[in-house]
């Protein structure tokens, strides 16, 4: 897929194509759509890593690459100040997840379930920065993290309406009140 000169493109939805594993494709290395606001490419069997050019989409609001075969680390991604929907579940992302999601104050939906993130950056089953996500309403982090307590500051998220199960994690300790 070539996307070098789509400077006016604001909405891209290419989902549920389910190309065969043999015909799977990578994301373009040069994502030339600087005005893109919506990127939905879930259920496509996309392989490889998320290119740095995708991570630099400053205007993006909805970012959905779930149910693909994407892999690698995401440590240099998510300097997207307008992002409010982030879905990267059911992929093969690994390594350390960023200690925080810098500049993303408007995030309302976060789904990172069923990946292979390394727990080294976490102080428990959930990253501590989750409690700083003031606008978060939906949180799904199952089947990712190795061990630990649910951080107390998760109770700081007044807007949280849906904390999906934390299955597939070895959570210990008590559940913070008023969860």
N, C-alpha and C. Protein backbone atom coordinates (compact mmCIF):
# COMPACT_ATOMS: atom_id res chain seq x y z
N UNK A 1 0.85 -1.17 0.00
CA UNK A 1 0.00 0.00 0.00
C UNK A 1 0.89 1.23 0.00
N UNK A 2 0.62 2.16 -0.90
CA UNK A 2 1.40 3.40 -0.97
C UNK A 2 0.53 4.56 -0.48
N UNK A 3 1.11 5.37 0.38
CA UNK A 3 0.38 6.51 0.94
C UNK A 3 1.29 7.71 1.06
N UNK A 4 1.98 8.05 0.01
CA UNK A 4 2.97 9.12 0.10
C UNK A 4 2.39 10.52 -0.05
N UNK A 5 1.33 10.70 -0.85
CA UNK A 5 0.89 12.05 -1.18
C UNK A 5 -0.59 12.27 -0.94
N UNK A 6 -1.09 11.81 0.16
CA UNK A 6 -2.50 12.00 0.48
C UNK A 6 -2.63 13.07 1.55
N UNK A 7 -2.19 14.26 1.23
CA UNK A 7 -2.09 15.33 2.22
C UNK A 7 -3.43 15.83 2.72
N UNK A 8 -4.50 15.66 1.97
CA UNK A 8 -5.81 16.13 2.41
C UNK A 8 -6.66 15.04 3.06
N UNK A 9 -6.19 13.79 3.03
CA UNK A 9 -6.94 12.67 3.58
C UNK A 9 -7.14 12.85 5.08
N UNK A 10 -8.41 12.74 5.53
CA UNK A 10 -8.72 12.87 6.94
C UNK A 10 -9.29 11.60 7.54
N UNK A 11 -9.83 10.72 6.72
CA UNK A 11 -10.51 9.52 7.22
C UNK A 11 -10.08 8.32 6.38
N UNK A 12 -9.54 7.30 7.03
CA UNK A 12 -9.15 6.08 6.33
C UNK A 12 -9.67 4.89 7.10
N UNK A 13 -10.57 4.16 6.48
CA UNK A 13 -11.12 2.95 7.07
C UNK A 13 -10.92 1.81 6.09
N UNK A 14 -10.06 0.91 6.46
CA UNK A 14 -9.80 -0.29 5.66
C UNK A 14 -9.79 -1.44 6.64
N UNK A 15 -10.96 -1.91 7.00
CA UNK A 15 -11.04 -2.96 8.01
C UNK A 15 -11.71 -4.21 7.47
N UNK A 16 -11.47 -5.30 8.17
CA UNK A 16 -12.06 -6.60 7.89
C UNK A 16 -11.81 -7.09 6.48
N UNK A 17 -10.61 -6.87 5.97
CA UNK A 17 -10.25 -7.42 4.67
C UNK A 17 -9.72 -8.83 4.80
N UNK A 18 -9.18 -9.14 5.95
CA UNK A 18 -8.71 -10.48 6.26
C UNK A 18 -7.96 -11.14 5.11
N UNK A 19 -6.95 -10.46 4.66
CA UNK A 19 -6.12 -11.05 3.63
C UNK A 19 -5.49 -12.32 4.18
N UNK A 20 -5.19 -13.25 3.33
CA UNK A 20 -4.59 -14.50 3.80
C UNK A 20 -3.23 -14.20 4.39
N UNK A 21 -2.76 -15.05 5.25
CA UNK A 21 -1.45 -14.86 5.88
C UNK A 21 -0.38 -14.69 4.81
N UNK A 22 -0.48 -15.47 3.74
CA UNK A 22 0.52 -15.38 2.68
C UNK A 22 0.47 -14.02 1.98
N UNK A 23 -0.72 -13.44 1.92
CA UNK A 23 -0.87 -12.15 1.24
C UNK A 23 -0.91 -10.97 2.18
N UNK A 24 -0.52 -11.20 3.43
CA UNK A 24 -0.57 -10.12 4.41
C UNK A 24 0.38 -9.00 4.02
N UNK A 25 0.01 -7.79 4.42
CA UNK A 25 0.83 -6.64 4.05
C UNK A 25 1.25 -5.85 5.28
N UNK A 26 2.25 -5.04 5.10
CA UNK A 26 2.73 -4.15 6.15
C UNK A 26 2.06 -2.80 6.01
N UNK A 27 2.11 -2.02 7.07
CA UNK A 27 1.70 -0.62 6.97
C UNK A 27 2.76 0.10 6.13
N UNK A 28 2.37 1.13 5.40
CA UNK A 28 3.37 1.84 4.59
C UNK A 28 4.44 2.48 5.47
N UNK A 29 5.67 2.44 5.00
CA UNK A 29 6.76 3.01 5.80
C UNK A 29 6.67 4.54 5.85
N UNK A 30 6.15 5.15 4.80
CA UNK A 30 5.94 6.61 4.79
C UNK A 30 4.45 6.87 4.71
N UNK A 31 3.91 7.29 5.82
CA UNK A 31 2.48 7.52 5.92
C UNK A 31 2.23 9.00 5.64
N UNK A 32 2.07 9.36 4.38
CA UNK A 32 1.98 10.75 3.97
C UNK A 32 0.58 11.32 4.03
N UNK A 33 -0.04 11.25 5.18
CA UNK A 33 -1.38 11.81 5.37
C UNK A 33 -1.37 12.63 6.66
N UNK A 34 -0.72 13.80 6.65
CA UNK A 34 -0.53 14.57 7.88
C UNK A 34 -1.82 15.09 8.50
N UNK A 35 -2.91 15.16 7.73
CA UNK A 35 -4.18 15.66 8.25
C UNK A 35 -5.13 14.55 8.66
N UNK A 36 -4.65 13.31 8.69
CA UNK A 36 -5.50 12.18 9.02
C UNK A 36 -6.03 12.30 10.45
N UNK A 37 -7.35 12.14 10.59
CA UNK A 37 -7.99 12.20 11.90
C UNK A 37 -8.49 10.84 12.36
N UNK A 38 -8.83 9.97 11.41
CA UNK A 38 -9.36 8.65 11.73
C UNK A 38 -8.59 7.60 10.94
N UNK A 39 -8.01 6.64 11.66
CA UNK A 39 -7.32 5.52 11.04
C UNK A 39 -7.87 4.23 11.63
N UNK A 40 -8.64 3.51 10.82
CA UNK A 40 -9.22 2.23 11.24
C UNK A 40 -8.75 1.17 10.26
N UNK A 41 -7.88 0.31 10.73
CA UNK A 41 -7.35 -0.77 9.89
C UNK A 41 -7.33 -2.07 10.69
N UNK A 42 -8.43 -2.38 11.36
CA UNK A 42 -8.50 -3.58 12.17
C UNK A 42 -8.92 -4.79 11.33
N UNK A 43 -8.62 -5.98 11.84
CA UNK A 43 -9.00 -7.25 11.20
C UNK A 43 -8.47 -7.38 9.77
N UNK A 44 -7.20 -7.10 9.57
CA UNK A 44 -6.64 -7.15 8.22
C UNK A 44 -5.46 -8.09 8.06
N UNK A 45 -4.99 -8.68 9.13
CA UNK A 45 -3.78 -9.51 9.10
C UNK A 45 -2.56 -8.71 8.68
N UNK A 46 -2.51 -7.44 9.03
CA UNK A 46 -1.35 -6.60 8.74
C UNK A 46 -0.18 -7.09 9.60
N UNK A 47 0.99 -7.18 9.00
CA UNK A 47 2.17 -7.68 9.71
C UNK A 47 3.19 -6.57 9.89
N UNK A 48 4.25 -6.88 10.61
CA UNK A 48 5.35 -5.95 10.77
C UNK A 48 5.17 -5.03 11.95
N UNK A 49 5.86 -3.91 11.91
CA UNK A 49 5.83 -2.94 12.99
C UNK A 49 5.08 -1.68 12.55
N UNK A 50 4.67 -0.90 13.54
CA UNK A 50 4.03 0.38 13.25
C UNK A 50 5.15 1.36 12.89
N UNK A 51 5.15 1.87 11.65
CA UNK A 51 6.23 2.79 11.25
C UNK A 51 6.19 4.10 12.04
N UNK A 52 7.35 4.69 12.21
CA UNK A 52 7.45 5.96 12.94
C UNK A 52 6.59 7.05 12.35
N UNK A 53 6.37 7.03 11.03
CA UNK A 53 5.54 8.07 10.40
C UNK A 53 4.09 7.99 10.88
N UNK A 54 3.60 6.81 11.20
CA UNK A 54 2.24 6.66 11.73
C UNK A 54 2.18 7.23 13.14
N UNK A 55 3.24 7.03 13.90
CA UNK A 55 3.29 7.52 15.28
C UNK A 55 3.34 9.04 15.37
N UNK A 56 3.58 9.70 14.26
CA UNK A 56 3.71 11.16 14.26
C UNK A 56 2.48 11.87 13.72
N UNK A 57 1.37 11.18 13.61
CA UNK A 57 0.14 11.79 13.10
C UNK A 57 -0.45 12.68 14.19
N UNK A 58 -0.17 13.95 14.14
CA UNK A 58 -0.55 14.90 15.20
C UNK A 58 -2.05 15.17 15.28
N UNK A 59 -2.77 15.00 14.16
CA UNK A 59 -4.20 15.32 14.13
C UNK A 59 -5.10 14.12 14.39
N UNK A 60 -4.51 12.96 14.58
CA UNK A 60 -5.30 11.73 14.69
C UNK A 60 -6.16 11.76 15.96
N UNK A 61 -7.41 11.33 15.81
CA UNK A 61 -8.34 11.25 16.93
C UNK A 61 -8.72 9.81 17.24
N UNK A 62 -8.88 9.01 16.19
CA UNK A 62 -9.24 7.60 16.33
C UNK A 62 -8.15 6.76 15.68
N UNK A 63 -7.57 5.84 16.45
CA UNK A 63 -6.44 5.02 16.00
C UNK A 63 -6.76 3.58 16.35
N UNK A 64 -7.13 2.77 15.35
CA UNK A 64 -7.56 1.39 15.59
C UNK A 64 -6.81 0.45 14.66
N UNK A 65 -5.88 -0.31 15.23
CA UNK A 65 -5.13 -1.31 14.48
C UNK A 65 -5.30 -2.69 15.12
N UNK A 66 -6.42 -2.93 15.78
CA UNK A 66 -6.65 -4.18 16.50
C UNK A 66 -6.79 -5.36 15.55
N UNK A 67 -6.59 -6.54 16.10
CA UNK A 67 -6.76 -7.81 15.38
C UNK A 67 -5.91 -7.86 14.11
N UNK A 68 -4.64 -7.62 14.27
CA UNK A 68 -3.68 -7.76 13.19
C UNK A 68 -2.51 -8.59 13.71
N UNK A 69 -1.47 -8.69 12.95
CA UNK A 69 -0.27 -9.40 13.37
C UNK A 69 0.88 -8.41 13.57
N UNK A 70 0.56 -7.22 14.01
CA UNK A 70 1.57 -6.20 14.25
C UNK A 70 2.40 -6.58 15.47
N UNK A 71 3.67 -6.20 15.45
CA UNK A 71 4.55 -6.57 16.54
C UNK A 71 5.56 -5.47 16.80
N UNK A 72 6.39 -5.70 17.78
CA UNK A 72 7.43 -4.74 18.11
C UNK A 72 7.02 -3.85 19.27
N UNK A 73 7.87 -2.87 19.53
CA UNK A 73 7.65 -1.96 20.65
C UNK A 73 6.95 -0.69 20.19
N UNK A 74 6.27 -0.07 21.12
CA UNK A 74 5.53 1.17 20.83
C UNK A 74 6.08 2.33 21.64
N UNK A 75 7.31 2.25 22.06
CA UNK A 75 7.84 3.25 22.98
C UNK A 75 7.94 4.64 22.38
N UNK A 76 8.02 4.78 21.08
CA UNK A 76 8.15 6.10 20.46
C UNK A 76 6.84 6.61 19.87
N UNK A 77 5.78 5.92 20.15
CA UNK A 77 4.47 6.30 19.60
C UNK A 77 3.70 7.16 20.61
N UNK A 78 2.59 7.64 20.16
CA UNK A 78 1.57 8.27 20.99
C UNK A 78 1.94 9.64 21.50
N UNK A 79 2.48 10.46 20.63
CA UNK A 79 2.58 11.88 20.90
C UNK A 79 1.51 12.55 20.03
N UNK A 80 0.29 12.12 20.29
CA UNK A 80 -0.86 12.51 19.49
C UNK A 80 -1.83 13.27 20.39
N UNK A 81 -1.75 14.58 20.45
CA UNK A 81 -2.49 15.35 21.44
C UNK A 81 -4.01 15.30 21.29
N UNK A 82 -4.54 14.97 20.11
CA UNK A 82 -5.98 14.94 19.90
C UNK A 82 -6.58 13.55 20.00
N UNK A 83 -5.77 12.54 20.28
CA UNK A 83 -6.23 11.16 20.29
C UNK A 83 -7.22 10.93 21.42
N UNK A 84 -8.39 10.37 21.10
CA UNK A 84 -9.33 10.00 22.15
C UNK A 84 -9.74 8.54 22.08
N UNK A 85 -9.40 7.81 21.02
CA UNK A 85 -9.75 6.39 20.88
C UNK A 85 -8.50 5.64 20.43
N UNK A 86 -8.00 4.73 21.27
CA UNK A 86 -6.80 3.95 20.94
C UNK A 86 -7.10 2.48 21.16
N UNK A 87 -7.13 1.72 20.07
CA UNK A 87 -7.39 0.29 20.15
C UNK A 87 -6.28 -0.46 19.42
N UNK A 88 -5.50 -1.21 20.19
CA UNK A 88 -4.39 -1.99 19.64
C UNK A 88 -4.46 -3.44 20.13
N UNK A 89 -5.63 -3.90 20.49
CA UNK A 89 -5.77 -5.22 21.08
C UNK A 89 -5.56 -6.33 20.05
N UNK A 90 -5.35 -7.53 20.59
CA UNK A 90 -5.24 -8.75 19.78
C UNK A 90 -4.19 -8.63 18.68
N UNK A 91 -3.02 -8.21 19.06
CA UNK A 91 -1.89 -8.14 18.15
C UNK A 91 -0.71 -8.82 18.82
N UNK A 92 0.47 -8.48 18.42
CA UNK A 92 1.67 -9.10 18.98
C UNK A 92 2.66 -8.06 19.48
N UNK A 93 2.14 -6.92 19.92
CA UNK A 93 3.03 -5.88 20.43
C UNK A 93 3.75 -6.41 21.67
N UNK A 94 5.00 -6.00 21.81
CA UNK A 94 5.81 -6.51 22.92
C UNK A 94 6.72 -5.40 23.42
N UNK A 95 7.63 -5.79 24.26
CA UNK A 95 8.57 -4.82 24.80
C UNK A 95 7.94 -4.00 25.90
N UNK A 96 8.55 -2.88 26.16
CA UNK A 96 8.08 -2.01 27.22
C UNK A 96 7.08 -1.01 26.66
N UNK A 97 5.97 -0.87 27.34
CA UNK A 97 5.03 0.16 26.97
C UNK A 97 5.51 1.45 27.61
N UNK A 98 5.26 2.61 27.01
CA UNK A 98 5.77 3.86 27.58
C UNK A 98 5.34 4.05 29.04
N UNK A 99 6.21 4.69 29.81
CA UNK A 99 5.87 4.97 31.20
C UNK A 99 4.62 5.82 31.31
N UNK A 100 4.35 6.58 30.30
CA UNK A 100 3.12 7.37 30.23
C UNK A 100 2.79 7.63 28.77
N UNK A 101 1.63 8.10 28.53
CA UNK A 101 1.23 8.48 27.18
C UNK A 101 1.31 10.00 27.13
N UNK A 102 2.45 10.55 26.72
CA UNK A 102 2.66 12.00 26.81
C UNK A 102 1.70 12.79 25.94
N UNK A 103 1.13 13.80 26.51
CA UNK A 103 0.31 14.72 25.73
C UNK A 103 -1.06 14.21 25.34
N UNK A 104 -1.46 13.06 25.84
CA UNK A 104 -2.78 12.54 25.48
C UNK A 104 -3.71 12.72 26.68
N UNK A 105 -4.25 13.89 26.82
CA UNK A 105 -5.17 14.17 27.91
C UNK A 105 -6.61 13.85 27.53
N UNK A 106 -6.89 13.77 26.23
CA UNK A 106 -8.26 13.58 25.77
C UNK A 106 -8.65 12.12 25.57
N UNK A 107 -7.76 11.17 25.89
CA UNK A 107 -8.03 9.76 25.65
C UNK A 107 -9.22 9.29 26.48
N UNK A 108 -10.25 8.76 25.80
CA UNK A 108 -11.43 8.25 26.49
C UNK A 108 -11.56 6.73 26.37
N UNK A 109 -10.93 6.13 25.36
CA UNK A 109 -11.04 4.69 25.11
C UNK A 109 -9.65 4.12 24.92
N UNK A 110 -9.28 3.13 25.74
CA UNK A 110 -7.97 2.50 25.64
C UNK A 110 -8.13 0.99 25.75
N UNK A 111 -7.75 0.27 24.69
CA UNK A 111 -7.82 -1.19 24.66
C UNK A 111 -6.48 -1.73 24.18
N UNK A 112 -5.75 -2.35 25.09
CA UNK A 112 -4.44 -2.94 24.78
C UNK A 112 -4.43 -4.43 25.09
N UNK A 113 -5.60 -5.04 25.20
CA UNK A 113 -5.71 -6.44 25.60
C UNK A 113 -5.04 -7.38 24.60
N UNK A 114 -4.64 -8.53 25.11
CA UNK A 114 -4.08 -9.62 24.30
C UNK A 114 -2.87 -9.18 23.48
N UNK A 115 -1.89 -8.65 24.14
CA UNK A 115 -0.59 -8.35 23.56
C UNK A 115 0.47 -8.97 24.45
N UNK A 116 1.70 -8.66 24.21
CA UNK A 116 2.80 -9.25 24.98
C UNK A 116 3.70 -8.18 25.58
N UNK A 117 3.10 -7.14 26.14
CA UNK A 117 3.91 -6.08 26.72
C UNK A 117 4.70 -6.60 27.91
N UNK A 118 5.90 -6.11 28.05
CA UNK A 118 6.79 -6.51 29.13
C UNK A 118 6.40 -5.76 30.39
N UNK A 119 6.35 -6.44 31.52
CA UNK A 119 5.88 -5.78 32.74
C UNK A 119 6.92 -4.90 33.44
N UNK A 120 8.10 -4.74 32.90
CA UNK A 120 9.16 -4.03 33.61
C UNK A 120 8.79 -2.58 33.93
N UNK A 121 8.01 -1.96 33.07
CA UNK A 121 7.64 -0.56 33.30
C UNK A 121 6.44 -0.40 34.22
N UNK A 122 5.93 -1.47 34.73
CA UNK A 122 4.70 -1.40 35.49
C UNK A 122 4.97 -1.58 36.97
N UNK A 123 4.19 -0.89 37.77
CA UNK A 123 4.21 -1.08 39.22
C UNK A 123 2.98 -1.89 39.56
N UNK A 124 2.84 -3.04 38.97
CA UNK A 124 1.67 -3.87 39.19
C UNK A 124 1.03 -4.25 37.89
N UNK A 125 -0.17 -4.73 37.96
CA UNK A 125 -0.87 -5.22 36.78
C UNK A 125 -1.28 -4.09 35.85
N UNK A 126 -1.45 -2.92 36.38
CA UNK A 126 -1.82 -1.78 35.55
C UNK A 126 -0.73 -0.72 35.64
N UNK A 127 -0.44 -0.03 34.54
CA UNK A 127 0.55 1.03 34.61
C UNK A 127 0.06 2.16 35.52
N UNK A 128 0.96 2.73 36.27
CA UNK A 128 0.60 3.80 37.21
C UNK A 128 0.01 5.01 36.48
N UNK A 129 0.46 5.29 35.24
CA UNK A 129 -0.03 6.46 34.52
C UNK A 129 -1.52 6.37 34.19
N UNK A 130 -2.11 5.20 34.32
CA UNK A 130 -3.56 5.07 34.06
C UNK A 130 -4.34 6.04 34.94
N UNK A 131 -3.92 6.21 36.19
CA UNK A 131 -4.61 7.11 37.10
C UNK A 131 -4.54 8.57 36.70
N UNK A 132 -3.64 8.92 35.78
CA UNK A 132 -3.52 10.30 35.30
C UNK A 132 -4.40 10.58 34.08
N UNK A 133 -5.04 9.57 33.56
CA UNK A 133 -5.85 9.72 32.35
C UNK A 133 -7.25 10.21 32.75
N UNK A 134 -7.38 11.50 32.93
CA UNK A 134 -8.58 12.11 33.50
C UNK A 134 -9.85 11.89 32.69
N UNK A 135 -9.72 11.73 31.38
CA UNK A 135 -10.90 11.61 30.51
C UNK A 135 -11.27 10.17 30.21
N UNK A 136 -10.49 9.21 30.68
CA UNK A 136 -10.67 7.81 30.32
C UNK A 136 -12.03 7.29 30.78
N UNK A 137 -12.76 6.67 29.85
CA UNK A 137 -14.07 6.07 30.17
C UNK A 137 -14.04 4.56 30.03
N UNK A 138 -13.26 4.05 29.07
CA UNK A 138 -13.21 2.61 28.79
C UNK A 138 -11.76 2.16 28.88
N UNK A 139 -11.52 1.10 29.66
CA UNK A 139 -10.17 0.58 29.83
C UNK A 139 -10.20 -0.93 29.75
N UNK A 140 -9.40 -1.50 28.85
CA UNK A 140 -9.30 -2.95 28.68
C UNK A 140 -7.82 -3.29 28.58
N UNK A 141 -7.31 -4.00 29.58
CA UNK A 141 -5.89 -4.37 29.61
C UNK A 141 -5.69 -5.85 29.93
N UNK A 142 -6.67 -6.68 29.66
CA UNK A 142 -6.55 -8.09 30.01
C UNK A 142 -5.49 -8.80 29.18
N UNK A 143 -5.00 -9.89 29.73
CA UNK A 143 -4.04 -10.78 29.06
C UNK A 143 -2.78 -10.06 28.60
N UNK A 144 -2.15 -9.33 29.49
CA UNK A 144 -0.95 -8.59 29.16
C UNK A 144 0.14 -8.64 30.22
N UNK A 145 -0.19 -8.30 31.42
CA UNK A 145 0.82 -7.97 32.42
C UNK A 145 0.99 -9.10 33.41
N UNK A 146 2.15 -9.23 33.95
CA UNK A 146 2.52 -10.42 34.70
C UNK A 146 1.98 -10.50 36.13
N UNK A 147 2.08 -9.46 36.90
CA UNK A 147 1.82 -9.60 38.33
C UNK A 147 1.55 -8.24 38.96
N UNK A 148 1.14 -8.27 40.22
CA UNK A 148 1.10 -7.05 41.01
C UNK A 148 -0.29 -6.61 41.43
N UNK A 149 -0.30 -5.45 42.06
CA UNK A 149 -1.53 -4.86 42.59
C UNK A 149 -2.14 -3.91 41.57
N UNK A 150 -3.41 -3.65 41.75
CA UNK A 150 -4.07 -2.59 40.99
C UNK A 150 -3.66 -1.28 41.67
N UNK A 151 -3.05 -0.34 40.94
CA UNK A 151 -2.60 0.89 41.60
C UNK A 151 -3.77 1.68 42.16
N UNK A 152 -3.56 2.23 43.33
CA UNK A 152 -4.60 2.99 44.02
C UNK A 152 -5.08 4.18 43.21
N UNK A 153 -4.18 4.80 42.44
CA UNK A 153 -4.58 6.02 41.73
C UNK A 153 -5.57 5.76 40.59
N UNK A 154 -5.91 4.51 40.32
CA UNK A 154 -6.95 4.25 39.32
C UNK A 154 -8.29 4.81 39.81
N UNK A 155 -8.43 4.96 41.10
CA UNK A 155 -9.67 5.54 41.64
C UNK A 155 -9.75 7.05 41.39
N UNK A 156 -8.67 7.65 40.87
CA UNK A 156 -8.68 9.07 40.51
C UNK A 156 -9.44 9.35 39.22
N UNK A 157 -9.73 8.32 38.46
CA UNK A 157 -10.37 8.51 37.15
C UNK A 157 -11.88 8.59 37.37
N UNK A 158 -12.38 9.78 37.60
CA UNK A 158 -13.81 9.97 37.85
C UNK A 158 -14.66 9.60 36.65
N UNK A 159 -14.12 9.73 35.45
CA UNK A 159 -14.89 9.48 34.24
C UNK A 159 -14.96 8.00 33.86
N UNK A 160 -14.17 7.12 34.52
CA UNK A 160 -14.11 5.71 34.14
C UNK A 160 -15.46 5.04 34.33
N UNK A 161 -16.02 4.52 33.24
CA UNK A 161 -17.32 3.86 33.27
C UNK A 161 -17.21 2.37 33.05
N UNK A 162 -16.15 1.94 32.36
CA UNK A 162 -16.04 0.54 31.97
C UNK A 162 -14.61 0.06 32.17
N UNK A 163 -14.38 -0.71 33.20
CA UNK A 163 -13.10 -1.35 33.42
C UNK A 163 -13.32 -2.82 33.11
N UNK A 164 -12.91 -3.22 31.91
CA UNK A 164 -13.14 -4.59 31.50
C UNK A 164 -12.31 -5.52 32.36
N UNK A 165 -12.61 -6.78 32.25
CA UNK A 165 -11.95 -7.74 33.13
C UNK A 165 -10.44 -7.62 33.04
N UNK A 166 -9.79 -8.03 34.09
CA UNK A 166 -8.34 -8.02 34.13
C UNK A 166 -7.82 -9.45 34.07
N UNK A 167 -8.58 -10.32 33.41
CA UNK A 167 -8.20 -11.73 33.28
C UNK A 167 -6.88 -11.86 32.54
N UNK A 168 -6.22 -12.96 32.78
CA UNK A 168 -4.96 -13.21 32.12
C UNK A 168 -3.81 -12.45 32.73
N UNK A 169 -4.03 -11.86 33.88
CA UNK A 169 -3.00 -11.17 34.64
C UNK A 169 -2.95 -11.82 36.01
N UNK A 170 -1.83 -11.82 36.65
CA UNK A 170 -1.69 -12.39 37.99
C UNK A 170 -1.78 -11.26 39.02
N UNK A 171 -2.96 -10.71 39.15
CA UNK A 171 -3.17 -9.59 40.06
C UNK A 171 -3.24 -10.10 41.48
N UNK A 172 -2.58 -9.39 42.37
CA UNK A 172 -2.59 -9.75 43.78
C UNK A 172 -3.03 -8.53 44.59
N UNK A 173 -3.22 -8.75 45.86
CA UNK A 173 -3.60 -7.64 46.73
C UNK A 173 -5.09 -7.37 46.68
N UNK A 174 -5.47 -6.27 47.28
CA UNK A 174 -6.89 -5.93 47.35
C UNK A 174 -7.29 -5.00 46.21
N UNK A 175 -8.57 -4.95 45.96
CA UNK A 175 -9.12 -4.05 44.95
C UNK A 175 -9.33 -2.69 45.60
N UNK A 176 -8.74 -1.64 45.03
CA UNK A 176 -8.88 -0.31 45.65
C UNK A 176 -10.34 0.12 45.73
N UNK A 177 -10.70 0.68 46.84
CA UNK A 177 -12.05 1.23 47.01
C UNK A 177 -12.03 2.65 46.49
N UNK A 178 -12.94 3.11 45.73
CA UNK A 178 -14.29 2.64 45.46
C UNK A 178 -14.48 1.97 44.10
N UNK A 179 -13.60 1.10 43.67
CA UNK A 179 -13.80 0.42 42.38
C UNK A 179 -15.04 -0.41 42.40
